[in-house]
Amino acid sequence: MTTLSVPFSTERLLLRRFTPDDLDDLYAYQGLSEVARYLYRPPLTRERCVRSLARRAAGTAWAEDGDDLVFAVCPVGEAKVVGEVVLKLASARAGQVEIGWIFNPAYGGRGYATEAARAITELAFAELDAHRLFARLDVLNTGSARICERLGMRREAHLVENALDDGRWGSEYVYAMLAREWKADRA
């Protein structure tokens, strides 16, 4: 099992565990239909946010398939949560790690998502020994596609009409990067 030093900072952001005090900030974006449309689920109710927050605050190990690390993202010096980033252990044996992010649209256009995603990309490769980092996203989510490209990920797949959500077929991109590519990019 891996133990991480949390919280950690980037130039402008603090990434930390969620606390019960984050409920209003979490619900402010998780309850929005414009956010949920790319997550293949309906917006979260306040009650579901309470349950989600309890699980996030407790944290999980990083040892078995399905374990995840979820970090609240706050501007340095502020207690306000503007979004979250997550790493999910898709295959412990193969070192396959899924990356994701969800941000409050009120804080869009400031580069927070890219900065936070870059930080956990480094965490995945440098500390968690990931072999391959990948992201799955709705093809209509152009903002997330740009973040993947800024991280140096390549588009590996375009899955056509592979998800059915509220009667609408959705298509998905898969972006990925290998540890050796990440290391070469940093050199």
Protein backbone atom coordinates (compact mmCIF):
# COMPACT_ATOMS: atom_id res chain seq x y z
CA MET A 1 0.00 0.00 0.00
CA THR A 2 1.24 3.48 -0.89
CA THR A 3 1.15 6.33 1.60
CA LEU A 4 1.09 9.85 0.21
CA SER A 5 1.94 13.13 1.81
CA VAL A 6 -1.28 15.13 1.59
CA PRO A 7 -1.87 18.02 1.13
CA PHE A 8 0.49 19.14 -1.59
CA SER A 9 0.76 22.35 -3.59
CA THR A 10 1.38 23.63 -7.08
CA GLU A 11 2.26 27.22 -7.91
CA ARG A 12 -1.34 28.41 -7.44
CA LEU A 13 -3.24 25.48 -5.96
CA LEU A 14 -3.52 23.35 -2.86
CA LEU A 15 -4.60 19.73 -3.41
CA ARG A 16 -5.93 18.15 -0.23
CA ARG A 17 -8.38 15.62 1.09
CA PHE A 18 -12.03 16.65 1.25
CA THR A 19 -13.51 17.52 4.65
CA PRO A 20 -17.15 17.73 5.80
CA ASP A 21 -16.83 21.53 5.60
CA ASP A 22 -16.56 21.26 1.80
CA LEU A 23 -20.21 20.26 1.28
CA ASP A 24 -21.46 23.59 -0.08
CA ASP A 25 -18.54 23.93 -2.50
CA LEU A 26 -18.86 20.32 -3.67
CA TYR A 27 -22.60 20.60 -4.24
CA ALA A 28 -22.11 23.93 -6.05
CA TYR A 29 -20.64 22.07 -9.05
CA GLN A 30 -21.64 18.41 -8.57
CA GLY A 31 -25.29 19.48 -8.57
CA LEU A 32 -25.06 21.21 -11.97
CA SER A 33 -26.51 19.54 -15.04
CA GLU A 34 -23.86 21.23 -17.22
CA VAL A 35 -21.18 19.39 -15.21
CA ALA A 36 -22.97 16.04 -14.95
CA ARG A 37 -23.66 15.80 -18.69
CA TYR A 38 -20.07 14.69 -19.26
CA LEU A 39 -20.05 12.25 -16.34
CA TYR A 40 -22.69 9.83 -17.67
CA ARG A 41 -24.86 10.35 -14.62
CA PRO A 42 -27.41 12.86 -13.37
CA PRO A 43 -26.37 15.81 -11.19
CA LEU A 44 -25.84 14.82 -7.57
CA THR A 45 -28.44 15.76 -5.01
CA ARG A 46 -27.24 17.41 -1.83
CA GLU A 47 -27.86 14.13 0.02
CA ARG A 48 -25.68 12.20 -2.45
CA CYS A 49 -22.99 14.86 -2.03
CA VAL A 50 -23.08 14.25 1.74
CA ARG A 51 -22.49 10.50 1.18
CA SER A 52 -19.84 11.14 -1.46
CA LEU A 53 -18.08 13.60 0.80
CA ALA A 54 -17.95 11.09 3.68
CA ARG A 55 -16.27 8.54 1.41
CA ARG A 56 -13.85 11.09 -0.02
CA ALA A 57 -12.88 12.41 3.42
CA ALA A 58 -12.15 8.87 4.62
CA GLY A 59 -9.85 8.23 1.66
CA THR A 60 -8.94 4.86 0.23
CA ALA A 61 -5.84 2.74 -0.02
CA TRP A 62 -3.86 2.49 -3.25
CA ALA A 63 -3.35 -1.23 -3.66
CA GLU A 64 -6.24 -2.94 -5.45
CA ASP A 65 -8.15 -2.45 -8.67
CA GLY A 66 -10.79 0.24 -8.16
CA ASP A 67 -8.95 2.11 -5.38
CA ASP A 68 -8.92 5.84 -5.98
CA LEU A 69 -7.34 9.02 -4.72
CA VAL A 70 -9.59 12.07 -4.84
CA PHE A 71 -8.22 15.52 -4.08
CA ALA A 72 -10.09 18.75 -3.45
CA VAL A 73 -8.55 21.63 -5.41
CA CYS A 74 -8.34 25.01 -3.69
CA PRO A 75 -6.60 28.22 -4.76
CA VAL A 76 -3.62 28.77 -2.43
CA GLY A 77 -4.66 30.81 0.58
CA GLU A 78 -8.38 30.10 0.14
CA ALA A 79 -10.54 27.47 1.80
CA LYS A 80 -12.93 27.35 -1.19
CA VAL A 81 -12.97 24.12 -3.24
CA VAL A 82 -13.10 24.96 -6.96
CA GLY A 83 -12.94 21.38 -8.23
CA GLU A 84 -11.42 17.97 -7.80
CA VAL A 85 -8.95 15.63 -9.44
CA VAL A 86 -8.90 11.86 -9.18
CA LEU A 87 -6.61 8.96 -9.90
CA LYS A 88 -8.25 5.53 -10.09
CA LEU A 89 -6.27 2.31 -10.06
CA ALA A 90 -7.75 0.47 -13.03
CA SER A 91 -5.24 -2.41 -12.91
CA ALA A 92 -2.75 -2.76 -10.08
CA ARG A 93 -0.96 -5.62 -11.84
CA ALA A 94 -0.49 -3.69 -15.09
CA GLY A 95 0.04 -0.24 -13.57
CA GLN A 96 -2.99 1.20 -15.39
CA VAL A 97 -4.29 4.43 -13.83
CA GLU A 98 -7.27 6.51 -14.92
CA ILE A 99 -7.10 10.28 -14.41
CA GLY A 100 -10.07 12.59 -14.15
CA TRP A 101 -11.16 16.05 -13.07
CA ILE A 102 -14.35 17.92 -12.32
CA PHE A 103 -14.37 21.69 -11.83
CA ASN A 104 -16.90 24.32 -11.00
CA PRO A 105 -17.57 26.19 -14.28
CA ALA A 106 -17.55 29.46 -12.32
CA TYR A 107 -13.75 29.03 -12.10
CA GLY A 108 -13.22 28.04 -15.72
CA GLY A 109 -10.64 29.67 -17.95
CA ARG A 110 -8.05 30.13 -15.21
CA GLY A 111 -5.96 27.05 -15.95
CA TYR A 112 -6.79 25.40 -12.63
CA ALA A 113 -7.84 22.08 -14.17
CA THR A 114 -4.68 21.82 -16.27
CA GLU A 115 -2.44 22.76 -13.34
CA ALA A 116 -4.09 20.27 -10.99
CA ALA A 117 -4.13 17.51 -13.64
CA ARG A 118 -0.44 18.11 -14.32
CA ALA A 119 0.29 17.72 -10.59
CA ILE A 120 -1.50 14.39 -10.28
CA THR A 121 0.04 13.17 -13.54
CA GLU A 122 3.41 13.64 -11.87
CA LEU A 123 2.09 11.91 -8.76
CA ALA A 124 0.89 8.94 -10.84
CA PHE A 125 4.21 8.42 -12.61
CA ALA A 126 6.77 9.61 -10.04
CA GLU A 127 5.23 8.28 -6.81
CA LEU A 128 2.60 5.68 -7.68
CA ASP A 129 4.67 3.89 -10.32
CA ALA A 130 2.00 4.01 -13.02
CA HIS A 131 2.92 2.39 -16.32
CA ARG A 132 0.05 3.95 -18.30
CA LEU A 133 -2.18 6.90 -17.46
CA PHE A 134 -5.43 7.26 -19.37
CA ALA A 135 -8.50 9.49 -19.49
CA ARG A 136 -11.96 8.67 -20.85
CA LEU A 137 -14.13 11.58 -21.91
CA ASP A 138 -17.22 12.44 -23.88
CA VAL A 139 -16.25 13.65 -27.36
CA LEU A 140 -18.31 16.78 -26.77
CA ASN A 141 -16.15 17.68 -23.77
CA THR A 142 -13.67 19.76 -25.76
CA GLY A 143 -12.26 21.43 -22.64
CA SER A 144 -11.14 18.09 -21.20
CA ALA A 145 -9.71 17.03 -24.57
CA ARG A 146 -7.56 20.19 -24.56
CA ILE A 147 -6.36 19.39 -21.04
CA CYS A 148 -5.35 15.89 -22.13
CA GLU A 149 -3.41 17.35 -25.03
CA ARG A 150 -1.71 19.94 -22.78
CA LEU A 151 -0.60 17.06 -20.55
CA GLY A 152 1.03 15.42 -23.57
CA MET A 153 -1.46 12.58 -23.82
CA ARG A 154 -2.32 11.13 -27.21
CA ARG A 155 -5.78 10.17 -28.40
CA GLU A 156 -5.78 6.38 -28.58
CA ALA A 157 -9.40 5.63 -29.31
CA HIS A 158 -12.69 7.07 -30.48
CA LEU A 159 -15.51 4.87 -29.25
CA VAL A 160 -18.64 5.64 -31.26
CA GLU A 161 -22.01 5.60 -29.49
CA ASN A 162 -20.69 3.43 -26.66
CA ALA A 163 -22.73 5.02 -23.85
CA LEU A 164 -26.46 5.55 -23.50
CA ASP A 165 -27.46 8.36 -21.16
CA ASP A 166 -31.03 9.62 -20.82
CA GLY A 167 -31.87 8.26 -24.27
CA ARG A 168 -28.87 9.93 -25.93
CA TRP A 169 -26.02 7.94 -27.41
CA GLY A 170 -22.67 9.32 -26.39
CA SER A 171 -19.30 8.74 -27.94
CA GLU A 172 -16.05 8.69 -26.05
CA TYR A 173 -12.37 9.48 -26.57
CA VAL A 174 -9.61 7.67 -24.74
CA TYR A 175 -6.39 9.61 -24.22
CA ALA A 176 -3.26 8.03 -22.73
CA MET A 177 0.41 8.41 -21.93
CA LEU A 178 3.04 5.86 -20.93
CA ALA A 179 5.54 6.43 -18.13
CA ARG A 180 8.44 6.41 -20.59
CA GLU A 181 6.73 9.10 -22.69
CA TRP A 182 6.14 11.23 -19.60
CA LYS A 183 9.81 10.87 -18.61
CA ALA A 184 11.01 11.71 -22.14
CA ASP A 185 8.75 14.77 -22.25
CA ARG A 186 10.22 16.04 -18.96
CA ALA A 187 13.84 15.54 -20.13
